[in-house]
C-alpha atoms as a PDB file:
ATOM      1  CA  MET A   1      -2.570 -10.973 -27.229  1.00  0.00           C
ATOM      2  CA  ILE A   2       0.871 -13.376 -25.812  1.00  0.00           C
ATOM      3  CA  ARG A   3       3.023 -10.348 -27.941  1.00  0.00           C
ATOM      4  CA  TYR A   4       1.209  -7.843 -25.516  1.00  0.00           C
ATOM      5  CA  PHE A   5       1.760  -9.430 -22.340  1.00  0.00           C
ATOM      6  CA  ALA A   6       5.568  -9.991 -23.238  1.00  0.00           C
ATOM      7  CA  GLY A   7       5.792  -6.441 -24.443  1.00  0.00           C
ATOM      8  CA  ARG A   8       4.322  -5.476 -21.057  1.00  0.00           C
ATOM      9  CA  ILE A   9       6.219  -7.869 -18.934  1.00  0.00           C
ATOM     10  CA  VAL A  10       9.653  -6.816 -20.293  1.00  0.00           C
ATOM     11  CA  THR A  11       8.517  -2.856 -19.737  1.00  0.00           C
ATOM     12  CA  MET A  12       7.681  -3.801 -16.049  1.00  0.00           C
ATOM     13  CA  ALA A  13      11.123  -5.165 -15.310  1.00  0.00           C
ATOM     14  CA  ILE A  14      12.812  -2.280 -17.123  1.00  0.00           C
ATOM     15  CA  THR A  15      10.310  -0.266 -14.982  1.00  0.00           C
ATOM     16  CA  LEU A  16      11.637  -1.687 -11.660  1.00  0.00           C
ATOM     17  CA  LEU A  17      15.487  -2.470 -12.374  1.00  0.00           C
ATOM     18  CA  ILE A  18      15.292   2.129 -12.747  1.00  0.00           C
ATOM     19  CA  ILE A  19      13.546   2.279  -9.624  1.00  0.00           C
ATOM     20  CA  SER A  20      15.408  -0.014  -7.681  1.00  0.00           C
ATOM     21  CA  ALA A  21      18.511   2.421  -9.064  1.00  0.00           C
ATOM     22  CA  VAL A  22      16.727   5.357  -7.647  1.00  0.00           C
ATOM     23  CA  VAL A  23      15.367   3.776  -4.348  1.00  0.00           C
ATOM     24  CA  PHE A  24      18.837   2.808  -3.466  1.00  0.00           C
ATOM     25  CA  PHE A  25      20.626   5.778  -4.514  1.00  0.00           C
ATOM     26  CA  ILE A  26      18.491   8.429  -2.896  1.00  0.00           C
ATOM     27  CA  ILE A  27      18.654   5.739   0.566  1.00  0.00           C
ATOM     28  CA  LYS A  28      22.419   6.479   0.043  1.00  0.00           C
ATOM     29  CA  LEU A  29      22.953  10.360  -0.799  1.00  0.00           C
ATOM     30  CA  PRO A  30      22.454  11.642   3.220  1.00  0.00           C
ATOM     31  CA  PRO A  31      26.245  10.990   4.003  1.00  0.00           C
ATOM     32  CA  GLY A  32      26.879   8.009   5.575  1.00  0.00           C
ATOM     33  CA  ASP A  33      25.074   4.899   6.763  1.00  0.00           C
ATOM     34  CA  PHE A  34      23.645   2.868   9.928  1.00  0.00           C
ATOM     35  CA  LEU A  35      26.913   1.276  10.342  1.00  0.00           C
ATOM     36  CA  THR A  36      29.409   3.858   9.438  1.00  0.00           C
ATOM     37  CA  ASN A  37      27.369   6.260  12.287  1.00  0.00           C
ATOM     38  CA  GLN A  38      27.402   3.018  15.020  1.00  0.00           C
ATOM     39  CA  ILE A  39      31.009   2.943  14.117  1.00  0.00           C
ATOM     40  CA  ALA A  40      31.191   6.518  15.502  1.00  0.00           C
ATOM     41  CA  GLU A  41      29.581   6.119  18.515  1.00  0.00           C
ATOM     42  CA  LEU A  42      31.372   3.245  19.376  1.00  0.00           C
ATOM     43  CA  ARG A  43      34.676   4.697  18.734  1.00  0.00           C
ATOM     44  CA  ALA A  44      33.315   8.056  20.771  1.00  0.00           C
ATOM     45  CA  GLN A  45      32.614   5.729  23.749  1.00  0.00           C
ATOM     46  CA  GLY A  46      35.676   4.119  23.343  1.00  0.00           C
ATOM     47  CA  ASP A  47      34.190   0.540  22.420  1.00  0.00           C
ATOM     48  CA  ALA A  48      37.292  -0.949  20.639  1.00  0.00           C
ATOM     49  CA  SER A  49      35.685  -4.305  20.503  1.00  0.00           C
ATOM     50  CA  ALA A  50      32.246  -3.299  18.924  1.00  0.00           C
ATOM     51  CA  ALA A  51      33.877  -0.672  16.669  1.00  0.00           C
ATOM     52  CA  VAL A  52      36.002  -3.825  15.209  1.00  0.00           C
ATOM     53  CA  LYS A  53      32.679  -5.672  14.943  1.00  0.00           C
ATOM     54  CA  ALA A  54      30.960  -2.977  12.892  1.00  0.00           C
ATOM     55  CA  GLU A  55      34.211  -2.404  10.922  1.00  0.00           C
ATOM     56  CA  PHE A  56      34.125  -6.111   9.407  1.00  0.00           C
ATOM     57  CA  LEU A  57      30.429  -5.833   8.441  1.00  0.00           C
ATOM     58  CA  VAL A  58      31.311  -2.844   6.640  1.00  0.00           C
ATOM     59  CA  ARG A  59      33.611  -5.361   4.583  1.00  0.00           C
ATOM     60  CA  GLN A  60      31.393  -8.446   4.897  1.00  0.00           C
ATOM     61  CA  PHE A  61      28.414  -6.459   3.213  1.00  0.00           C
ATOM     62  CA  GLY A  62      30.772  -4.500   0.833  1.00  0.00           C
ATOM     63  CA  LEU A  63      29.874  -1.222   1.810  1.00  0.00           C
ATOM     64  CA  ASP A  64      32.643   0.215   1.093  1.00  0.00           C
ATOM     65  CA  ARG A  65      32.772  -0.726  -2.305  1.00  0.00           C
ATOM     66  CA  PRO A  66      31.810   2.067  -4.722  1.00  0.00           C
ATOM     67  CA  VAL A  67      27.770   2.739  -4.483  1.00  0.00           C
ATOM     68  CA  TRP A  68      27.479   1.698  -8.490  1.00  0.00           C
ATOM     69  CA  GLU A  69      29.175  -1.508  -7.014  1.00  0.00           C
ATOM     70  CA  GLN A  70      26.866  -2.176  -3.887  1.00  0.00           C
ATOM     71  CA  TYR A  71      23.466  -1.446  -6.207  1.00  0.00           C
ATOM     72  CA  LEU A  72      24.534  -4.272  -8.298  1.00  0.00           C
ATOM     73  CA  ALA A  73      25.178  -6.593  -5.596  1.00  0.00           C
ATOM     74  CA  TRP A  74      21.537  -5.591  -3.933  1.00  0.00           C
ATOM     75  CA  VAL A  75      19.782  -6.622  -6.962  1.00  0.00           C
ATOM     76  CA  GLY A  76      21.422  -9.204  -7.692  1.00  0.00           C
ATOM     77  CA  LEU A  77      23.412  -8.434 -10.733  1.00  0.00           C
ATOM     78  CA  TRP A  78      27.302  -8.122  -9.554  1.00  0.00           C
ATOM     79  CA  PRO A  79      28.917 -10.942  -7.236  1.00  0.00           C
ATOM     80  CA  GLY A  80      28.528  -9.730  -3.799  1.00  0.00           C
ATOM     81  CA  PRO A  81      31.145  -9.946  -0.889  1.00  0.00           C
ATOM     82  CA  SER A  82      31.569 -13.180   1.006  1.00  0.00           C
ATOM     83  CA  GLY A  83      29.103 -14.873  -1.601  1.00  0.00           C
ATOM     84  CA  PHE A  84      26.137 -12.107  -0.878  1.00  0.00           C
ATOM     85  CA  SER A  85      23.478 -12.627  -3.301  1.00  0.00           C
ATOM     86  CA  GLY A  86      21.102  -9.779  -3.840  1.00  0.00           C
ATOM     87  CA  LEU A  87      17.166  -9.516  -4.616  1.00  0.00           C
ATOM     88  CA  LEU A  88      16.869 -11.659  -7.564  1.00  0.00           C
ATOM     89  CA  GLN A  89      18.577 -14.636  -6.138  1.00  0.00           C
ATOM     90  CA  GLY A  90      15.824 -14.000  -3.250  1.00  0.00           C
ATOM     91  CA  ASN A  91      17.987 -12.800  -0.827  1.00  0.00           C
ATOM     92  CA  TRP A  92      16.304  -9.406   1.072  1.00  0.00           C
ATOM     93  CA  GLY A  93      19.545  -8.333   2.466  1.00  0.00           C
ATOM     94  CA  TRP A  94      20.272  -7.863   6.223  1.00  0.00           C
ATOM     95  CA  SER A  95      19.024  -5.250   8.646  1.00  0.00           C
ATOM     96  CA  PHE A  96      21.784  -3.600  10.626  1.00  0.00           C
ATOM     97  CA  GLU A  97      19.232  -1.869  12.804  1.00  0.00           C
ATOM     98  CA  TYR A  98      18.107  -5.195  13.874  1.00  0.00           C
ATOM     99  CA  ASP A  99      21.056  -7.576  13.362  1.00  0.00           C
ATOM    100  CA  ARG A 100      18.955  -9.931  11.533  1.00  0.00           C
ATOM    101  CA  ALA A 101      17.225 -11.112   7.897  1.00  0.00           C
ATOM    102  CA  VAL A 102      15.116  -8.664   5.756  1.00  0.00           C
ATOM    103  CA  ALA A 103      13.024 -11.662   6.066  1.00  0.00           C
ATOM    104  CA  GLU A 104      13.040 -11.754   9.561  1.00  0.00           C
ATOM    105  CA  VAL A 105      12.275  -8.399  10.685  1.00  0.00           C
ATOM    106  CA  LEU A 106       9.629  -8.255   8.243  1.00  0.00           C
ATOM    107  CA  GLY A 107       8.288 -11.648   9.271  1.00  0.00           C
ATOM    108  CA  ASP A 108       3.735 -11.552   9.527  1.00  0.00           C
ATOM    109  CA  ALA A 109       3.757  -7.814   8.789  1.00  0.00           C
ATOM    110  CA  LEU A 110       4.249  -7.675   5.309  1.00  0.00           C
ATOM    111  CA  TRP A 111       1.479 -10.469   4.652  1.00  0.00           C
ATOM    112  CA  LEU A 112      -0.787  -8.813   7.569  1.00  0.00           C
ATOM    113  CA  THR A 113      -0.299  -5.019   5.775  1.00  0.00           C
ATOM    114  CA  LEU A 114      -1.382  -6.887   2.503  1.00  0.00           C
ATOM    115  CA  VAL A 115      -4.296  -7.888   4.475  1.00  0.00           C
ATOM    116  CA  LEU A 116      -5.333  -5.093   5.693  1.00  0.00           C
ATOM    117  CA  ASN A 117      -4.749  -2.845   2.733  1.00  0.00           C
ATOM    118  CA  LEU A 118      -7.123  -5.369   0.969  1.00  0.00           C
ATOM    119  CA  THR A 119      -9.927  -4.772   3.414  1.00  0.00           C
ATOM    120  CA  THR A 120      -9.952  -1.523   3.348  1.00  0.00           C
ATOM    121  CA  VAL A 121     -10.194  -1.332  -0.325  1.00  0.00           C
ATOM    122  CA  ILE A 122     -12.880  -3.992  -0.311  1.00  0.00           C
ATOM    123  CA  PHE A 123     -14.754  -1.528   2.484  1.00  0.00           C
ATOM    124  CA  VAL A 124     -14.077   1.323   0.346  1.00  0.00           C
ATOM    125  CA  HIS A 125     -15.683  -0.068  -3.025  1.00  0.00           C
ATOM    126  CA  ALA A 126     -18.430  -1.516  -1.006  1.00  0.00           C
ATOM    127  CA  VAL A 127     -19.556   1.150   1.063  1.00  0.00           C
ATOM    128  CA  ALA A 128     -18.784   4.109  -1.521  1.00  0.00           C
ATOM    129  CA  ILE A 129     -20.847   2.252  -4.865  1.00  0.00           C
ATOM    130  CA  PRO A 130     -23.913   1.620  -3.395  1.00  0.00           C
ATOM    131  CA  ILE A 131     -24.013   5.460  -1.616  1.00  0.00           C
ATOM    132  CA  ALA A 132     -22.584   7.086  -4.461  1.00  0.00           C
ATOM    133  CA  ILE A 133     -25.533   5.594  -6.643  1.00  0.00           C
ATOM    134  CA  TYR A 134     -28.428   6.159  -4.434  1.00  0.00           C
ATOM    135  CA  SER A 135     -27.484   9.895  -4.405  1.00  0.00           C
ATOM    136  CA  ALA A 136     -26.610  10.297  -8.000  1.00  0.00           C
ATOM    137  CA  ARG A 137     -30.326   9.131  -8.903  1.00  0.00           C
ATOM    138  CA  ASN A 138     -31.914  11.272  -6.151  1.00  0.00           C
ATOM    139  CA  GLN A 139     -29.462  14.284  -6.670  1.00  0.00           C
ATOM    140  CA  TYR A 140     -30.332  17.375  -5.008  1.00  0.00           C
ATOM    141  CA  SER A 141     -32.549  15.533  -1.908  1.00  0.00           C
ATOM    142  CA  LEU A 142     -32.354  15.439   1.684  1.00  0.00           C
ATOM    143  CA  SER A 143     -30.116  12.061   1.542  1.00  0.00           C
ATOM    144  CA  ASP A 144     -27.682  13.882  -1.216  1.00  0.00           C
ATOM    145  CA  TYR A 145     -27.063  16.841   1.123  1.00  0.00           C
ATOM    146  CA  ALA A 146     -26.604  14.172   4.250  1.00  0.00           C
ATOM    147  CA  VAL A 147     -24.215  11.929   1.750  1.00  0.00           C
ATOM    148  CA  THR A 148     -22.454  15.557   0.677  1.00  0.00           C
ATOM    149  CA  LEU A 149     -22.030  16.366   4.572  1.00  0.00           C
ATOM    150  CA  PHE A 150     -20.713  12.823   4.769  1.00  0.00           C
ATOM    151  CA  GLY A 151     -18.197  13.119   2.632  1.00  0.00           C
ATOM    152  CA  TYR A 152     -16.668  16.824   3.783  1.00  0.00           C
ATOM    153  CA  LEU A 153     -16.793  15.692   7.223  1.00  0.00           C
ATOM    154  CA  GLY A 154     -15.484  11.779   6.111  1.00  0.00           C
ATOM    155  CA  LEU A 155     -12.413  14.336   4.294  1.00  0.00           C
ATOM    156  CA  ALA A 156     -11.716  16.574   6.986  1.00  0.00           C
ATOM    157  CA  THR A 157     -11.701  14.305  10.416  1.00  0.00           C
ATOM    158  CA  PRO A 158      -8.349  13.781  10.911  1.00  0.00           C
ATOM    159  CA  SER A 159      -7.395   9.584  10.907  1.00  0.00           C
ATOM    160  CA  PHE A 160      -5.638   9.565  14.248  1.00  0.00           C
ATOM    161  CA  LEU A 161      -8.115  11.098  16.300  1.00  0.00           C
ATOM    162  CA  LEU A 162     -11.069   8.952  15.141  1.00  0.00           C
ATOM    163  CA  ALA A 163      -8.695   5.852  15.736  1.00  0.00           C
ATOM    164  CA  LEU A 164      -8.478   7.238  18.972  1.00  0.00           C
ATOM    165  CA  ILE A 165     -12.241   6.973  19.686  1.00  0.00           C
ATOM    166  CA  LEU A 166     -12.903   4.199  17.712  1.00  0.00           C
ATOM    167  CA  LEU A 167     -10.477   1.932  20.068  1.00  0.00           C
ATOM    168  CA  TYR A 168     -12.072   3.492  22.693  1.00  0.00           C
ATOM    169  CA  TYR A 169     -15.467   2.711  22.176  1.00  0.00           C
ATOM    170  CA  MET A 170     -14.979  -0.757  20.647  1.00  0.00           C
ATOM    171  CA  ASN A 171     -13.144  -1.850  23.625  1.00  0.00           C
ATOM    172  CA  HIS A 172     -15.828   0.127  26.213  1.00  0.00           C
ATOM    173  CA  TRP A 173     -18.571  -1.403  24.202  1.00  0.00           C
ATOM    174  CA  PHE A 174     -17.299  -5.127  22.887  1.00  0.00           C
ATOM    175  CA  GLY A 175     -14.153  -5.334  24.488  1.00  0.00           C
ATOM    176  CA  VAL A 176     -11.963  -5.667  22.202  1.00  0.00           C
ATOM    177  CA  SER A 177      -7.805  -5.068  22.906  1.00  0.00           C
ATOM    178  CA  ILE A 178      -6.835  -1.503  22.418  1.00  0.00           C
ATOM    179  CA  GLY A 179      -3.899  -1.716  19.958  1.00  0.00           C
ATOM    180  CA  GLY A 180      -2.604  -4.353  17.400  1.00  0.00           C
ATOM    181  CA  LEU A 181      -4.040  -6.962  14.926  1.00  0.00           C
ATOM    182  CA  TYR A 182      -5.029  -9.209  17.372  1.00  0.00           C
ATOM    183  CA  ASP A 183      -5.097  -9.857  20.819  1.00  0.00           C
ATOM    184  CA  PRO A 184      -1.983 -10.050  23.231  1.00  0.00           C
ATOM    185  CA  GLN A 185      -2.045 -14.006  23.687  1.00  0.00           C
ATOM    186  CA  TYR A 186      -2.151 -14.502  20.434  1.00  0.00           C
ATOM    187  CA  ALA A 187       1.270 -12.079  19.892  1.00  0.00           C
ATOM    188  CA  ASP A 188       3.536 -15.098  19.373  1.00  0.00           C
ATOM    189  CA  ALA A 189       1.553 -18.062  19.169  1.00  0.00           C
ATOM    190  CA  PRO A 190       0.895 -19.754  15.455  1.00  0.00           C
ATOM    191  CA  TRP A 191      -1.677 -19.021  13.382  1.00  0.00           C
ATOM    192  CA  THR A 192      -5.115 -20.761  14.511  1.00  0.00           C
ATOM    193  CA  MET A 193      -8.567 -20.559  14.157  1.00  0.00           C
ATOM    194  CA  PRO A 194      -8.726 -18.234  17.538  1.00  0.00           C
ATOM    195  CA  LYS A 195      -5.941 -16.135  16.164  1.00  0.00           C
ATOM    196  CA  VAL A 196      -7.243 -15.635  12.572  1.00  0.00           C
ATOM    197  CA  LEU A 197     -10.739 -14.582  14.429  1.00  0.00           C
ATOM    198  CA  SER A 198      -8.991 -12.280  16.150  1.00  0.00           C
ATOM    199  CA  LEU A 199      -7.622 -10.797  13.784  1.00  0.00           C
ATOM    200  CA  MET A 200     -10.989 -10.704  11.998  1.00  0.00           C
ATOM    201  CA  GLU A 201     -12.183  -8.758  15.122  1.00  0.00           C
ATOM    202  CA  HIS A 202      -9.261  -6.099  15.296  1.00  0.00           C
ATOM    203  CA  LEU A 203      -9.755  -5.558  11.824  1.00  0.00           C
ATOM    204  CA  ILE A 204     -12.827  -3.651  12.390  1.00  0.00           C
ATOM    205  CA  VAL A 205     -11.537   0.101  13.301  1.00  0.00           C
ATOM    206  CA  PRO A 206      -8.103   0.155  10.882  1.00  0.00           C
ATOM    207  CA  THR A 207      -9.739  -0.542   8.021  1.00  0.00           C
ATOM    208  CA  ILE A 208     -12.835   2.088   9.247  1.00  0.00           C
ATOM    209  CA  VAL A 209     -10.146   4.313   9.791  1.00  0.00           C
ATOM    210  CA  ILE A 210      -7.925   4.023   6.830  1.00  0.00           C
ATOM    211  CA  GLY A 211     -10.661   3.330   4.601  1.00  0.00           C
ATOM    212  CA  LEU A 212     -12.641   6.725   5.642  1.00  0.00           C
ATOM    213  CA  GLY A 213     -10.856   8.997   3.506  1.00  0.00           C
ATOM    214  CA  GLY A 214     -11.251   7.379   0.707  1.00  0.00           C
ATOM    215  CA  THR A 215     -14.895   6.165   0.838  1.00  0.00           C
ATOM    216  CA  ALA A 216     -15.593   9.970   1.304  1.00  0.00           C
ATOM    217  CA  ALA A 217     -13.750  10.890  -1.647  1.00  0.00           C
ATOM    218  CA  MET A 218     -14.854   7.936  -4.082  1.00  0.00           C
ATOM    219  CA  ILE A 219     -18.697   9.034  -2.985  1.00  0.00           C
ATOM    220  CA  ARG A 220     -17.893  12.435  -4.554  1.00  0.00           C
ATOM    221  CA  ARG A 221     -15.935  11.435  -7.202  1.00  0.00           C
ATOM    222  CA  MET A 222     -18.370   8.484  -8.471  1.00  0.00           C
ATOM    223  CA  ARG A 223     -21.165  10.356  -7.878  1.00  0.00           C
ATOM    224  CA  ALA A 224     -20.059  13.367 -10.299  1.00  0.00           C
ATOM    225  CA  ASN A 225     -19.451  11.157 -12.353  1.00  0.00           C
ATOM    226  CA  LEU A 226     -22.289   9.089 -12.688  1.00  0.00           C
ATOM    227  CA  LEU A 227     -24.246  12.759 -13.156  1.00  0.00           C
ATOM    228  CA  ASP A 228     -22.280  13.640 -16.290  1.00  0.00           C
ATOM    229  CA  GLU A 229     -22.700  10.117 -17.947  1.00  0.00           C
ATOM    230  CA  LEU A 230     -26.570  10.300 -16.683  1.00  0.00           C
ATOM    231  CA  GLY A 231     -27.162  14.014 -18.808  1.00  0.00           C
ATOM    232  CA  LYS A 232     -25.510  12.447 -21.989  1.00  0.00           C
ATOM    233  CA  GLN A 233     -28.032  11.818 -24.894  1.00  0.00           C
ATOM    234  CA  TYR A 234     -27.106   7.685 -24.699  1.00  0.00           C
ATOM    235  CA  TYR A 235     -28.610   7.191 -21.637  1.00  0.00           C
ATOM    236  CA  VAL A 236     -31.389   9.770 -22.517  1.00  0.00           C
ATOM    237  CA  THR A 237     -32.419   7.816 -25.853  1.00  0.00           C
ATOM    238  CA  ALA A 238     -31.990   4.252 -23.439  1.00  0.00           C
ATOM    239  CA  ARG A 239     -35.023   5.852 -21.134  1.00  0.00           C
ATOM    240  CA  ALA A 240     -37.175   7.504 -23.725  1.00  0.00           C
ATOM    241  CA  LYS A 241     -37.358   3.904 -25.459  1.00  0.00           C
ATOM    242  CA  GLY A 242     -38.513   2.108 -22.309  1.00  0.00           C
ATOM    243  CA  LEU A 243     -35.724   0.740 -21.086  1.00  0.00           C
ATOM    244  CA  PRO A 244     -35.733   0.237 -16.685  1.00  0.00           C
ATOM    245  CA  PRO A 245     -34.510   2.665 -14.765  1.00  0.00           C
ATOM    246  CA  ARG A 246     -31.555   0.509 -13.147  1.00  0.00           C
ATOM    247  CA  LYS A 247     -31.211  -1.149 -16.101  1.00  0.00           C
ATOM    248  CA  ALA A 248     -30.383   1.287 -17.811  1.00  0.00           C
ATOM    249  CA  LEU A 249     -27.949   2.728 -15.294  1.00  0.00           C
ATOM    250  CA  MET A 250     -25.844  -0.062 -14.512  1.00  0.00           C
ATOM    251  CA  LYS A 251     -25.587  -1.389 -18.357  1.00  0.00           C
ATOM    252  CA  TYR A 252     -23.989   1.860 -19.623  1.00  0.00           C
ATOM    253  CA  PRO A 253     -23.558   5.408 -17.154  1.00  0.00           C
ATOM    254  CA  PHE A 254     -22.240   2.841 -14.075  1.00  0.00           C
ATOM    255  CA  ARG A 255     -19.635   0.824 -16.180  1.00  0.00           C
ATOM    256  CA  MET A 256     -18.205   4.274 -17.624  1.00  0.00           C
ATOM    257  CA  ALA A 257     -18.267   6.040 -14.637  1.00  0.00           C
ATOM    258  CA  LEU A 258     -15.773   3.225 -12.957  1.00  0.00           C
ATOM    259  CA  ASN A 259     -12.954   4.056 -15.603  1.00  0.00           C
ATOM    260  CA  PRO A 260     -11.368   6.761 -13.242  1.00  0.00           C
ATOM    261  CA  PHE A 261     -11.750   4.464 -10.080  1.00  0.00           C
ATOM    262  CA  ILE A 262     -10.227   1.290 -12.616  1.00  0.00           C
ATOM    263  CA  ALA A 263      -7.204   3.554 -13.768  1.00  0.00           C
ATOM    264  CA  ASP A 264      -6.235   4.261 -10.194  1.00  0.00           C
ATOM    265  CA  ILE A 265      -5.646   0.862  -8.960  1.00  0.00           C
ATOM    266  CA  GLY A 266      -1.932   0.416  -9.781  1.00  0.00           C
ATOM    267  CA  ASN A 267      -1.745   3.596  -7.189  1.00  0.00           C
ATOM    268  CA  LEU A 268      -4.158   2.347  -4.744  1.00  0.00           C
ATOM    269  CA  LEU A 269      -2.465  -0.138  -2.770  1.00  0.00           C
ATOM    270  CA  PRO A 270       0.895   1.647  -2.261  1.00  0.00           C
ATOM    271  CA  GLN A 271      -0.973   4.993  -1.094  1.00  0.00           C
ATOM    272  CA  LEU A 272      -2.898   2.673   1.256  1.00  0.00           C
ATOM    273  CA  VAL A 273       0.789   1.418   2.658  1.00  0.00           C
ATOM    274  CA  SER A 274       2.419   4.825   2.686  1.00  0.00           C
ATOM    275  CA  GLY A 275      -1.021   6.509   4.293  1.00  0.00           C
ATOM    276  CA  SER A 276      -0.905   4.425   7.461  1.00  0.00           C
ATOM    277  CA  VAL A 277       1.960   5.050   8.530  1.00  0.00           C
ATOM    278  CA  LEU A 278       0.154   7.456  11.054  1.00  0.00           C
ATOM    279  CA  VAL A 279      -2.543   5.272  11.963  1.00  0.00           C
ATOM    280  CA  SER A 280      -0.371   2.236  12.393  1.00  0.00           C
ATOM    281  CA  LEU A 281       1.987   3.877  14.869  1.00  0.00           C
ATOM    282  CA  VAL A 282      -1.257   4.935  16.454  1.00  0.00           C
ATOM    283  CA  MET A 283      -2.534   2.111  17.048  1.00  0.00           C
ATOM    284  CA  SER A 284       0.408  -0.358  17.286  1.00  0.00           C
ATOM    285  CA  LEU A 285      -0.461  -1.987  13.889  1.00  0.00           C
ATOM    286  CA  PRO A 286       2.327  -4.718  12.899  1.00  0.00           C
ATOM    287  CA  THR A 287       2.488  -3.238   9.911  1.00  0.00           C
ATOM    288  CA  VAL A 288       5.278  -2.310   7.242  1.00  0.00           C
ATOM    289  CA  GLY A 289       4.801   1.164   7.354  1.00  0.00           C
ATOM    290  CA  PRO A 290       6.547   1.496  11.034  1.00  0.00           C
ATOM    291  CA  ILE A 291       9.323  -0.617  10.134  1.00  0.00           C
ATOM    292  CA  LEU A 292      10.160   1.824   6.891  1.00  0.00           C
ATOM    293  CA  LEU A 293       9.461   4.671   8.348  1.00  0.00           C
ATOM    294  CA  SER A 294      12.358   3.725  11.147  1.00  0.00           C
ATOM    295  CA  ALA A 295      14.582   1.608   8.506  1.00  0.00           C
ATOM    296  CA  LEU A 296      14.603   5.282   6.606  1.00  0.00           C
ATOM    297  CA  LYS A 297      15.354   7.616  10.122  1.00  0.00           C
ATOM    298  CA  THR A 298      18.259   4.899  10.442  1.00  0.00           C
ATOM    299  CA  GLN A 299      19.347   4.648   7.189  1.00  0.00           C
ATOM    300  CA  ASP A 300      19.230   0.836   7.487  1.00  0.00           C
ATOM    301  CA  GLN A 301      19.523   0.388   3.457  1.00  0.00           C
ATOM    302  CA  TYR A 302      18.551  -2.939   2.552  1.00  0.00           C
ATOM    303  CA  LEU A 303      15.406  -3.298   4.782  1.00  0.00           C
ATOM    304  CA  ALA A 304      13.984   0.628   4.071  1.00  0.00           C
ATOM    305  CA  GLY A 305      15.712  -0.548   0.109  1.00  0.00           C
ATOM    306  CA  PHE A 306      13.138  -3.793  -0.146  1.00  0.00           C
ATOM    307  CA  ILE A 307       9.769  -1.811   0.948  1.00  0.00           C
ATOM    308  CA  LEU A 308       9.947   0.452  -1.278  1.00  0.00           C
ATOM    309  CA  MET A 309      10.669  -2.167  -4.108  1.00  0.00           C
ATOM    310  CA  PHE A 310       7.816  -4.403  -2.756  1.00  0.00           C
ATOM    311  CA  VAL A 311       5.566  -1.456  -2.857  1.00  0.00           C
ATOM    312  CA  ALA A 312       6.989  -0.037  -6.269  1.00  0.00           C
ATOM    313  CA  ALA A 313       6.225  -4.013  -7.310  1.00  0.00           C
ATOM    314  CA  LEU A 314       2.842  -3.762  -6.143  1.00  0.00           C
ATOM    315  CA  THR A 315       2.332  -0.364  -7.978  1.00  0.00           C
ATOM    316  CA  VAL A 316       3.443  -1.894 -11.527  1.00  0.00           C
ATOM    317  CA  ILE A 317       1.425  -5.417 -11.113  1.00  0.00           C
ATOM    318  CA  GLY A 318      -1.502  -2.483 -10.315  1.00  0.00           C
ATOM    319  CA  MET A 319      -1.185  -0.749 -13.507  1.00  0.00           C
ATOM    320  CA  LEU A 320      -0.811  -4.420 -15.487  1.00  0.00           C
ATOM    321  CA  ILE A 321      -4.395  -5.055 -13.834  1.00  0.00           C
ATOM    322  CA  SER A 322      -5.688  -1.773 -14.051  1.00  0.00           C
ATOM    323  CA  ASP A 323      -5.111  -1.917 -17.856  1.00  0.00           C
ATOM    324  CA  LEU A 324      -6.638  -5.660 -18.365  1.00  0.00           C
ATOM    325  CA  LEU A 325      -9.911  -4.451 -16.704  1.00  0.00           C
ATOM    326  CA  LEU A 326     -10.191  -1.154 -18.680  1.00  0.00           C
ATOM    327  CA  ALA A 327     -10.035  -2.557 -21.773  1.00  0.00           C
ATOM    328  CA  TRP A 328     -12.560  -5.406 -20.414  1.00  0.00           C
ATOM    329  CA  LEU A 329     -14.872  -2.831 -19.280  1.00  0.00           C
ATOM    330  CA  ASP A 330     -14.998  -0.050 -21.758  1.00  0.00           C
ATOM    331  CA  PRO A 331     -15.719  -1.518 -25.290  1.00  0.00           C
ATOM    332  CA  ARG A 332     -13.937   1.939 -26.288  1.00  0.00           C
ATOM    333  CA  ILE A 333     -10.537   0.914 -25.774  1.00  0.00           C
ATOM    334  CA  ARG A 334      -8.889  -1.391 -28.024  1.00  0.00           C
ATOM    335  CA  LEU A 335      -5.082  -3.567 -27.115  1.00  0.00           C
ATOM    336  CA  GLY A 336      -3.163  -1.843 -29.865  1.00  0.00           C
ATOM    337  CA  GLU A 337      -0.614  -3.758 -31.880  1.00  0.00           C
ATOM    338  CA  SER A 338       2.637  -3.912 -30.536  1.00  0.00           C
END
């Protein structure tokens, strides 16, 4: 087991290194960068002093160096200019668009994104699994057809439209402020219990909006998997021997039906980060999605690169968690010798 973990950690490190190279070179593919474009605009406007300052920043951050050297300095495998350290040393880089360190730009957005996405994951599973089990046990009933209709509606409803509708009614019925993840008076305030309660109150709408499509899809997939397992011989035999329906369902078919969802853990959080960008824009959510979109548009390479690496790290960590959970959940899966 120790050799397995060590092998997986080495594999994860190599994977992240490859992803970092791909991310960096793709960001650098379009001609120019934020500072180069800014220098061109300043020169066109005749602002010589500002152009000199921008050129100084280019030399300070080594943007005039070869691309491969910029990449190694960004990762932290090569000494950067002016003692600039990279990701491996805990330096996330500098945002040229905001003229601040990446860590300061992201601020609370990083962990607020995690809170929102974890809340959405809990919501999706807490709602979808019981409904799917009930629907599978009552196949072709009126409730089963209602669940199927809900699934189609959930998949077809535009998330931004649902967000606008829920925002209006939450404000009209409960007085919840529109937009953001807490009331405006808490925007720059330190974290206190009232601010936490405001956050929990404002999480309701984005959690429902972001999670609705995933909930509907999970209900349909879980129902189909359960129906497939309920038709297999081991379940029929267990029922014929007198095992109670609930126990027979939860002990075998339910665990087997969970396998695809456990395997998807590695992709779930990154999909929520990328898939919630439109909702975040509509609802003015302080998450990393809008920041990433802006950084990619302006070619703010260090800011965009770190956010993409953050998503990649979520993916590889999620893959490891899913592998371990699958080995525990399904006795047919065994860890091979490495």
